[in-house]
Amino acid sequence: MSSPLHQFEIHTVLPLTVAGYDISLTNSSVFMFLAVITSTLFLVLGMKKKALIPGRFQAAAEMLHNSVANIVSDTAGENSKPYFPLIFSIFIFILSCNMLGMIPYSFTVTSHILITVILGLIVFFAVTLTGFARHGLHFFSLFIPHGTPLLLAVASGGFTLALLPLPVLINVALTGFEFFVAGLQAYIFSILAAVYLHDALELH
C-alpha cells in the first residue's frame, strides 16, 4: 500500500544536467508549467471575442480580473495600479496550481513551502524596492511607526468544524471546502501583497 504522503513527493520526470547543474524536470515543475499554460489559455480565449454581452469564459475572466483589480485599488490605493499585473499574476498562478491539484492523482504545487516562500520573497522584494524608490531611507519609519508601544498584544481565535455523520456527505463537504481553500489561498496572498504594497507606497 502506498503512503498517503506519496502525492506530495517530488520526483524527476526528465533528468537534465547543464554545466554540472541538475535542472531536471520534476512533477512539480510540470504542474507549474501546466498552471501557467492553462491560466494563459483561459484568459486569452476568454477575452478573445471581447463581446458586449460576455459568454461564460469571458464573464469568468472579467470576474477574476475585476476582483483582483478591486482588491488592489481598495487595499493599496490608486497609486498601486502599476503593480496590478504582478498581484494578478500571483493570484491566477496560485489559483491555477490549486485547481490542478484538485484533480485525482495530480500534484499540488503549493503544498510545498518552497513555492510559497519564493512567491512571498517576490512580493517582499517588490514591496521593499518600491518603498525605497518612493521614500528613500524614510521607508524605515514604516517598521517602527511613531508612538508604537513597547508591548503589543495579538488575540487570535479559532473555529470548530462539525463533521457530518454520513461518509458520503463528509467527502462532499471536504471536497467543497478544498475548492474554497484553493481560491482562499490565492485571495489571501493577493490581498496581503496589496496591503504591503499600500504600506510601501503610503507609509501608513
C-alpha atoms as a PDB file:
ATOM      1  CA  MET A   1       0.000   0.000   0.000  1.00  0.00           C
ATOM      2  CA  SER A   2       1.416   3.383  -0.997  1.00  0.00           C
ATOM      3  CA  SER A   3       1.933   6.081   1.582  1.00  0.00           C
ATOM      4  CA  PRO A   4      -0.741   8.829   1.776  1.00  0.00           C
ATOM      5  CA  LEU A   5       2.136  11.304   1.517  1.00  0.00           C
ATOM      6  CA  HIS A   6       3.160   9.885  -1.866  1.00  0.00           C
ATOM      7  CA  GLN A   7       1.047  12.505  -3.653  1.00  0.00           C
ATOM      8  CA  PHE A   8       3.237  15.246  -2.149  1.00  0.00           C
ATOM      9  CA  GLU A   9       6.579  13.711  -3.130  1.00  0.00           C
ATOM     10  CA  ILE A  10       8.673  15.419  -5.785  1.00  0.00           C
ATOM     11  CA  HIS A  11      10.249  13.064  -8.304  1.00  0.00           C
ATOM     12  CA  THR A  12      12.161  13.502 -11.541  1.00  0.00           C
ATOM     13  CA  VAL A  13      10.216  13.264 -14.792  1.00  0.00           C
ATOM     14  CA  LEU A  14      13.001  14.158 -17.215  1.00  0.00           C
ATOM     15  CA  PRO A  15      16.620  14.203 -15.970  1.00  0.00           C
ATOM     16  CA  LEU A  16      18.617  17.174 -17.284  1.00  0.00           C
ATOM     17  CA  THR A  17      22.112  18.375 -16.440  1.00  0.00           C
ATOM     18  CA  VAL A  18      23.660  21.598 -17.767  1.00  0.00           C
ATOM     19  CA  ALA A  19      27.256  22.580 -16.932  1.00  0.00           C
ATOM     20  CA  GLY A  20      27.212  20.235 -13.972  1.00  0.00           C
ATOM     21  CA  TYR A  21      23.964  21.645 -12.571  1.00  0.00           C
ATOM     22  CA  ASP A  22      20.929  19.430 -12.122  1.00  0.00           C
ATOM     23  CA  ILE A  23      17.973  21.183 -13.777  1.00  0.00           C
ATOM     24  CA  SER A  24      15.847  18.069 -14.139  1.00  0.00           C
ATOM     25  CA  LEU A  25      12.178  18.411 -14.943  1.00  0.00           C
ATOM     26  CA  THR A  26      10.142  17.273 -11.936  1.00  0.00           C
ATOM     27  CA  ASN A  27       6.454  16.631 -11.414  1.00  0.00           C
ATOM     28  CA  SER A  28       6.328  19.944  -9.539  1.00  0.00           C
ATOM     29  CA  SER A  29       7.747  21.916 -12.460  1.00  0.00           C
ATOM     30  CA  VAL A  30       5.468  20.077 -14.890  1.00  0.00           C
ATOM     31  CA  PHE A  31       2.386  21.186 -12.963  1.00  0.00           C
ATOM     32  CA  MET A  32       3.738  24.715 -12.674  1.00  0.00           C
ATOM     33  CA  PHE A  33       4.080  24.792 -16.459  1.00  0.00           C
ATOM     34  CA  LEU A  34       0.559  23.384 -16.776  1.00  0.00           C
ATOM     35  CA  ALA A  35      -0.751  26.068 -14.404  1.00  0.00           C
ATOM     36  CA  VAL A  36       0.831  28.812 -16.497  1.00  0.00           C
ATOM     37  CA  ILE A  37      -0.417  27.297 -19.771  1.00  0.00           C
ATOM     38  CA  THR A  38      -3.989  26.658 -18.587  1.00  0.00           C
ATOM     39  CA  SER A  39      -4.362  30.074 -16.958  1.00  0.00           C
ATOM     40  CA  THR A  40      -2.938  31.793 -20.047  1.00  0.00           C
ATOM     41  CA  LEU A  41      -5.243  29.872 -22.389  1.00  0.00           C
ATOM     42  CA  PHE A  42      -8.210  30.577 -20.132  1.00  0.00           C
ATOM     43  CA  LEU A  43      -7.575  34.323 -20.125  1.00  0.00           C
ATOM     44  CA  VAL A  44      -6.635  34.575 -23.811  1.00  0.00           C
ATOM     45  CA  LEU A  45      -9.597  32.516 -25.017  1.00  0.00           C
ATOM     46  CA  GLY A  46     -11.909  34.218 -22.543  1.00  0.00           C
ATOM     47  CA  MET A  47     -11.046  37.703 -23.821  1.00  0.00           C
ATOM     48  CA  LYS A  48     -10.626  36.769 -27.490  1.00  0.00           C
ATOM     49  CA  LYS A  49     -14.098  37.818 -28.655  1.00  0.00           C
ATOM     50  CA  LYS A  50     -14.489  40.818 -26.326  1.00  0.00           C
ATOM     51  CA  ALA A  51     -18.249  40.671 -26.744  1.00  0.00           C
ATOM     52  CA  LEU A  52     -20.510  43.363 -25.306  1.00  0.00           C
ATOM     53  CA  ILE A  53     -22.585  40.578 -23.770  1.00  0.00           C
ATOM     54  CA  PRO A  54     -19.898  38.215 -22.454  1.00  0.00           C
ATOM     55  CA  GLY A  55     -20.086  34.448 -22.689  1.00  0.00           C
ATOM     56  CA  ARG A  56     -19.122  32.131 -19.851  1.00  0.00           C
ATOM     57  CA  PHE A  57     -15.370  32.240 -20.402  1.00  0.00           C
ATOM     58  CA  GLN A  58     -15.291  35.994 -20.905  1.00  0.00           C
ATOM     59  CA  ALA A  59     -17.516  36.577 -17.871  1.00  0.00           C
ATOM     60  CA  ALA A  60     -15.291  34.363 -15.713  1.00  0.00           C
ATOM     61  CA  ALA A  61     -12.104  36.059 -16.956  1.00  0.00           C
ATOM     62  CA  GLU A  62     -13.579  39.521 -16.375  1.00  0.00           C
ATOM     63  CA  MET A  63     -14.787  38.498 -12.911  1.00  0.00           C
ATOM     64  CA  LEU A  64     -11.294  37.351 -11.886  1.00  0.00           C
ATOM     65  CA  HIS A  65      -9.703  40.477 -13.370  1.00  0.00           C
ATOM     66  CA  ASN A  66     -12.165  42.840 -11.710  1.00  0.00           C
ATOM     67  CA  SER A  67     -11.987  41.039  -8.358  1.00  0.00           C
ATOM     68  CA  VAL A  68      -8.205  41.364  -8.134  1.00  0.00           C
ATOM     69  CA  ALA A  69      -8.340  44.922  -9.514  1.00  0.00           C
ATOM     70  CA  ASN A  70     -10.767  45.841  -6.732  1.00  0.00           C
ATOM     71  CA  ILE A  71      -8.532  44.189  -4.121  1.00  0.00           C
ATOM     72  CA  VAL A  72      -5.525  46.173  -5.309  1.00  0.00           C
ATOM     73  CA  SER A  73      -7.292  49.534  -5.663  1.00  0.00           C
ATOM     74  CA  ASP A  74      -9.317  49.248  -2.436  1.00  0.00           C
ATOM     75  CA  THR A  75      -6.417  47.961  -0.339  1.00  0.00           C
ATOM     76  CA  ALA A  76      -3.341  49.613  -1.807  1.00  0.00           C
ATOM     77  CA  GLY A  77      -4.896  52.788  -3.220  1.00  0.00           C
ATOM     78  CA  GLU A  78      -4.939  54.418  -6.649  1.00  0.00           C
ATOM     79  CA  ASN A  79      -1.143  54.656  -6.820  1.00  0.00           C
ATOM     80  CA  SER A  80      -0.958  50.866  -6.886  1.00  0.00           C
ATOM     81  CA  LYS A  81      -2.342  50.436 -10.419  1.00  0.00           C
ATOM     82  CA  PRO A  82       1.106  49.833 -11.999  1.00  0.00           C
ATOM     83  CA  TYR A  83       1.545  46.839  -9.664  1.00  0.00           C
ATOM     84  CA  PHE A  84      -1.735  45.157 -10.614  1.00  0.00           C
ATOM     85  CA  PRO A  85      -0.109  42.790 -13.193  1.00  0.00           C
ATOM     86  CA  LEU A  86       2.229  41.382 -10.532  1.00  0.00           C
ATOM     87  CA  ILE A  87      -0.510  40.723  -7.978  1.00  0.00           C
ATOM     88  CA  PHE A  88      -2.907  39.376 -10.610  1.00  0.00           C
ATOM     89  CA  SER A  89      -0.202  37.029 -11.949  1.00  0.00           C
ATOM     90  CA  ILE A  90       0.459  35.684  -8.455  1.00  0.00           C
ATOM     91  CA  PHE A  91      -3.278  35.286  -7.829  1.00  0.00           C
ATOM     92  CA  ILE A  92      -4.000  33.414 -11.063  1.00  0.00           C
ATOM     93  CA  PHE A  93      -0.886  31.236 -10.662  1.00  0.00           C
ATOM     94  CA  ILE A  94      -1.801  30.123  -7.143  1.00  0.00           C
ATOM     95  CA  LEU A  95      -5.428  29.581  -8.117  1.00  0.00           C
ATOM     96  CA  SER A  96      -4.460  27.515 -11.186  1.00  0.00           C
ATOM     97  CA  CYS A  97      -1.977  25.400  -9.220  1.00  0.00           C
ATOM     98  CA  ASN A  98      -4.577  24.727  -6.536  1.00  0.00           C
ATOM     99  CA  MET A  99      -7.298  23.840  -9.024  1.00  0.00           C
ATOM    100  CA  LEU A 100      -4.995  21.465 -10.907  1.00  0.00           C
ATOM    101  CA  GLY A 101      -4.170  19.889  -7.550  1.00  0.00           C
ATOM    102  CA  MET A 102      -7.833  19.042  -7.085  1.00  0.00           C
ATOM    103  CA  ILE A 103      -7.624  16.552  -9.972  1.00  0.00           C
ATOM    104  CA  PRO A 104      -7.160  12.993  -8.648  1.00  0.00           C
ATOM    105  CA  TYR A 105      -3.579  11.671  -8.893  1.00  0.00           C
ATOM    106  CA  SER A 106      -2.277  15.117  -9.782  1.00  0.00           C
ATOM    107  CA  PHE A 107       0.287  17.192  -7.871  1.00  0.00           C
ATOM    108  CA  THR A 108      -0.434  20.285  -5.778  1.00  0.00           C
ATOM    109  CA  VAL A 109       2.466  22.669  -6.307  1.00  0.00           C
ATOM    110  CA  THR A 110       1.531  24.951  -3.422  1.00  0.00           C
ATOM    111  CA  SER A 111       1.666  22.060  -0.949  1.00  0.00           C
ATOM    112  CA  HIS A 112       5.432  22.639  -0.758  1.00  0.00           C
ATOM    113  CA  ILE A 113       6.600  25.530   1.364  1.00  0.00           C
ATOM    114  CA  LEU A 114       9.420  26.367  -1.070  1.00  0.00           C
ATOM    115  CA  ILE A 115       6.900  27.563  -3.655  1.00  0.00           C
ATOM    116  CA  THR A 116       5.010  29.820  -1.246  1.00  0.00           C
ATOM    117  CA  VAL A 117       8.312  31.095   0.191  1.00  0.00           C
ATOM    118  CA  ILE A 118       9.509  32.075  -3.295  1.00  0.00           C
ATOM    119  CA  LEU A 119       6.207  33.824  -4.057  1.00  0.00           C
ATOM    120  CA  GLY A 120       6.447  35.582  -0.702  1.00  0.00           C
ATOM    121  CA  LEU A 121      10.013  36.694  -1.460  1.00  0.00           C
ATOM    122  CA  ILE A 122       8.898  38.072  -4.822  1.00  0.00           C
ATOM    123  CA  VAL A 123       6.291  40.212  -3.054  1.00  0.00           C
ATOM    124  CA  PHE A 124       8.754  41.161  -0.300  1.00  0.00           C
ATOM    125  CA  PHE A 125      11.445  42.409  -2.672  1.00  0.00           C
ATOM    126  CA  ALA A 126       8.921  44.134  -4.956  1.00  0.00           C
ATOM    127  CA  VAL A 127       7.367  45.973  -1.999  1.00  0.00           C
ATOM    128  CA  THR A 128      10.712  46.801  -0.383  1.00  0.00           C
ATOM    129  CA  LEU A 129      12.241  48.149  -3.592  1.00  0.00           C
ATOM    130  CA  THR A 130       9.071  50.156  -4.234  1.00  0.00           C
ATOM    131  CA  GLY A 131       9.219  51.635  -0.732  1.00  0.00           C
ATOM    132  CA  PHE A 132      12.851  52.686  -1.017  1.00  0.00           C
ATOM    133  CA  ALA A 133      12.379  54.027  -4.547  1.00  0.00           C
ATOM    134  CA  ARG A 134       9.408  56.134  -3.424  1.00  0.00           C
ATOM    135  CA  HIS A 135      10.527  57.253   0.052  1.00  0.00           C
ATOM    136  CA  GLY A 136      14.264  56.645   0.271  1.00  0.00           C
ATOM    137  CA  LEU A 137      15.616  55.929   3.761  1.00  0.00           C
ATOM    138  CA  HIS A 138      12.414  57.352   5.265  1.00  0.00           C
ATOM    139  CA  PHE A 139      10.897  53.990   4.331  1.00  0.00           C
ATOM    140  CA  PHE A 140      12.435  52.596   7.548  1.00  0.00           C
ATOM    141  CA  SER A 141       9.832  54.583   9.508  1.00  0.00           C
ATOM    142  CA  LEU A 142       7.269  52.014   8.362  1.00  0.00           C
ATOM    143  CA  PHE A 143       8.772  49.356  10.609  1.00  0.00           C
ATOM    144  CA  ILE A 144       8.689  51.473  13.785  1.00  0.00           C
ATOM    145  CA  PRO A 145       5.778  53.911  13.455  1.00  0.00           C
ATOM    146  CA  HIS A 146       5.685  56.958  15.694  1.00  0.00           C
ATOM    147  CA  GLY A 147       4.065  56.242  19.073  1.00  0.00           C
ATOM    148  CA  THR A 148       4.377  52.455  18.869  1.00  0.00           C
ATOM    149  CA  PRO A 149       4.058  50.925  22.384  1.00  0.00           C
ATOM    150  CA  LEU A 150       6.769  48.575  23.678  1.00  0.00           C
ATOM    151  CA  LEU A 151       4.377  45.645  24.131  1.00  0.00           C
ATOM    152  CA  LEU A 152       1.780  44.591  21.588  1.00  0.00           C
ATOM    153  CA  ALA A 153      -0.915  42.014  22.222  1.00  0.00           C
ATOM    154  CA  VAL A 154      -2.394  39.911  19.440  1.00  0.00           C
ATOM    155  CA  ALA A 155      -5.562  37.968  20.015  1.00  0.00           C
ATOM    156  CA  SER A 156      -6.436  35.068  17.825  1.00  0.00           C
ATOM    157  CA  GLY A 157      -9.486  32.934  17.675  1.00  0.00           C
ATOM    158  CA  GLY A 158     -10.318  29.500  16.410  1.00  0.00           C
ATOM    159  CA  PHE A 159     -13.156  27.694  14.817  1.00  0.00           C
ATOM    160  CA  THR A 160     -14.688  24.282  15.131  1.00  0.00           C
ATOM    161  CA  LEU A 161     -15.826  22.013  12.344  1.00  0.00           C
ATOM    162  CA  ALA A 162     -18.741  19.705  12.967  1.00  0.00           C
ATOM    163  CA  LEU A 163     -18.414  16.528  10.942  1.00  0.00           C
ATOM    164  CA  LEU A 164     -21.476  15.124   9.244  1.00  0.00           C
ATOM    165  CA  PRO A 165     -22.477  11.575  10.150  1.00  0.00           C
ATOM    166  CA  LEU A 166     -22.549  10.105   6.655  1.00  0.00           C
ATOM    167  CA  PRO A 167     -19.201   9.395   4.925  1.00  0.00           C
ATOM    168  CA  VAL A 168     -20.502  10.484   1.528  1.00  0.00           C
ATOM    169  CA  LEU A 169     -21.654  13.826   2.858  1.00  0.00           C
ATOM    170  CA  ILE A 170     -18.320  14.239   4.651  1.00  0.00           C
ATOM    171  CA  ASN A 171     -16.430  13.679   1.404  1.00  0.00           C
ATOM    172  CA  VAL A 172     -18.636  16.124  -0.461  1.00  0.00           C
ATOM    173  CA  ALA A 173     -18.258  18.731   2.262  1.00  0.00           C
ATOM    174  CA  LEU A 174     -14.482  18.314   2.481  1.00  0.00           C
ATOM    175  CA  THR A 175     -14.100  18.465  -1.290  1.00  0.00           C
ATOM    176  CA  GLY A 176     -16.142  21.649  -1.387  1.00  0.00           C
ATOM    177  CA  PHE A 177     -14.012  23.012   1.445  1.00  0.00           C
ATOM    178  CA  GLU A 178     -10.844  22.177  -0.522  1.00  0.00           C
ATOM    179  CA  PHE A 179     -12.132  24.143  -3.514  1.00  0.00           C
ATOM    180  CA  PHE A 180     -12.906  27.009  -1.145  1.00  0.00           C
ATOM    181  CA  VAL A 181      -9.397  26.874   0.329  1.00  0.00           C
ATOM    182  CA  ALA A 182      -7.898  26.713  -3.183  1.00  0.00           C
ATOM    183  CA  GLY A 183      -9.448  30.068  -4.013  1.00  0.00           C
ATOM    184  CA  LEU A 184      -8.994  31.454  -0.498  1.00  0.00           C
ATOM    185  CA  GLN A 185      -5.228  30.951  -0.555  1.00  0.00           C
ATOM    186  CA  ALA A 186      -4.926  32.915  -3.805  1.00  0.00           C
ATOM    187  CA  TYR A 187      -7.224  35.631  -2.419  1.00  0.00           C
ATOM    188  CA  ILE A 188      -5.346  35.985   0.880  1.00  0.00           C
ATOM    189  CA  PHE A 189      -1.951  36.026  -0.825  1.00  0.00           C
ATOM    190  CA  SER A 190      -3.142  38.766  -3.177  1.00  0.00           C
ATOM    191  CA  ILE A 191      -4.773  40.927  -0.522  1.00  0.00           C
ATOM    192  CA  LEU A 192      -1.706  40.677   1.747  1.00  0.00           C
ATOM    193  CA  ALA A 193       0.507  41.671  -1.174  1.00  0.00           C
ATOM    194  CA  ALA A 194      -1.772  44.667  -1.749  1.00  0.00           C
ATOM    195  CA  VAL A 195      -1.633  45.619   1.957  1.00  0.00           C
ATOM    196  CA  TYR A 196       2.165  45.534   1.981  1.00  0.00           C
ATOM    197  CA  LEU A 197       2.237  47.485  -1.270  1.00  0.00           C
ATOM    198  CA  HIS A 198      -0.008  50.152   0.268  1.00  0.00           C
ATOM    199  CA  ASP A 199       2.405  50.483   3.202  1.00  0.00           C
ATOM    200  CA  ALA A 200       5.336  50.836   0.805  1.00  0.00           C
ATOM    201  CA  LEU A 201       3.526  53.496  -1.226  1.00  0.00           C
ATOM    202  CA  GLU A 202       1.883  55.496   1.544  1.00  0.00           C
ATOM    203  CA  LEU A 203       3.918  54.651   4.691  1.00  0.00           C
ATOM    204  CA  HIS A 204       0.768  54.240   6.793  1.00  0.00           C
END
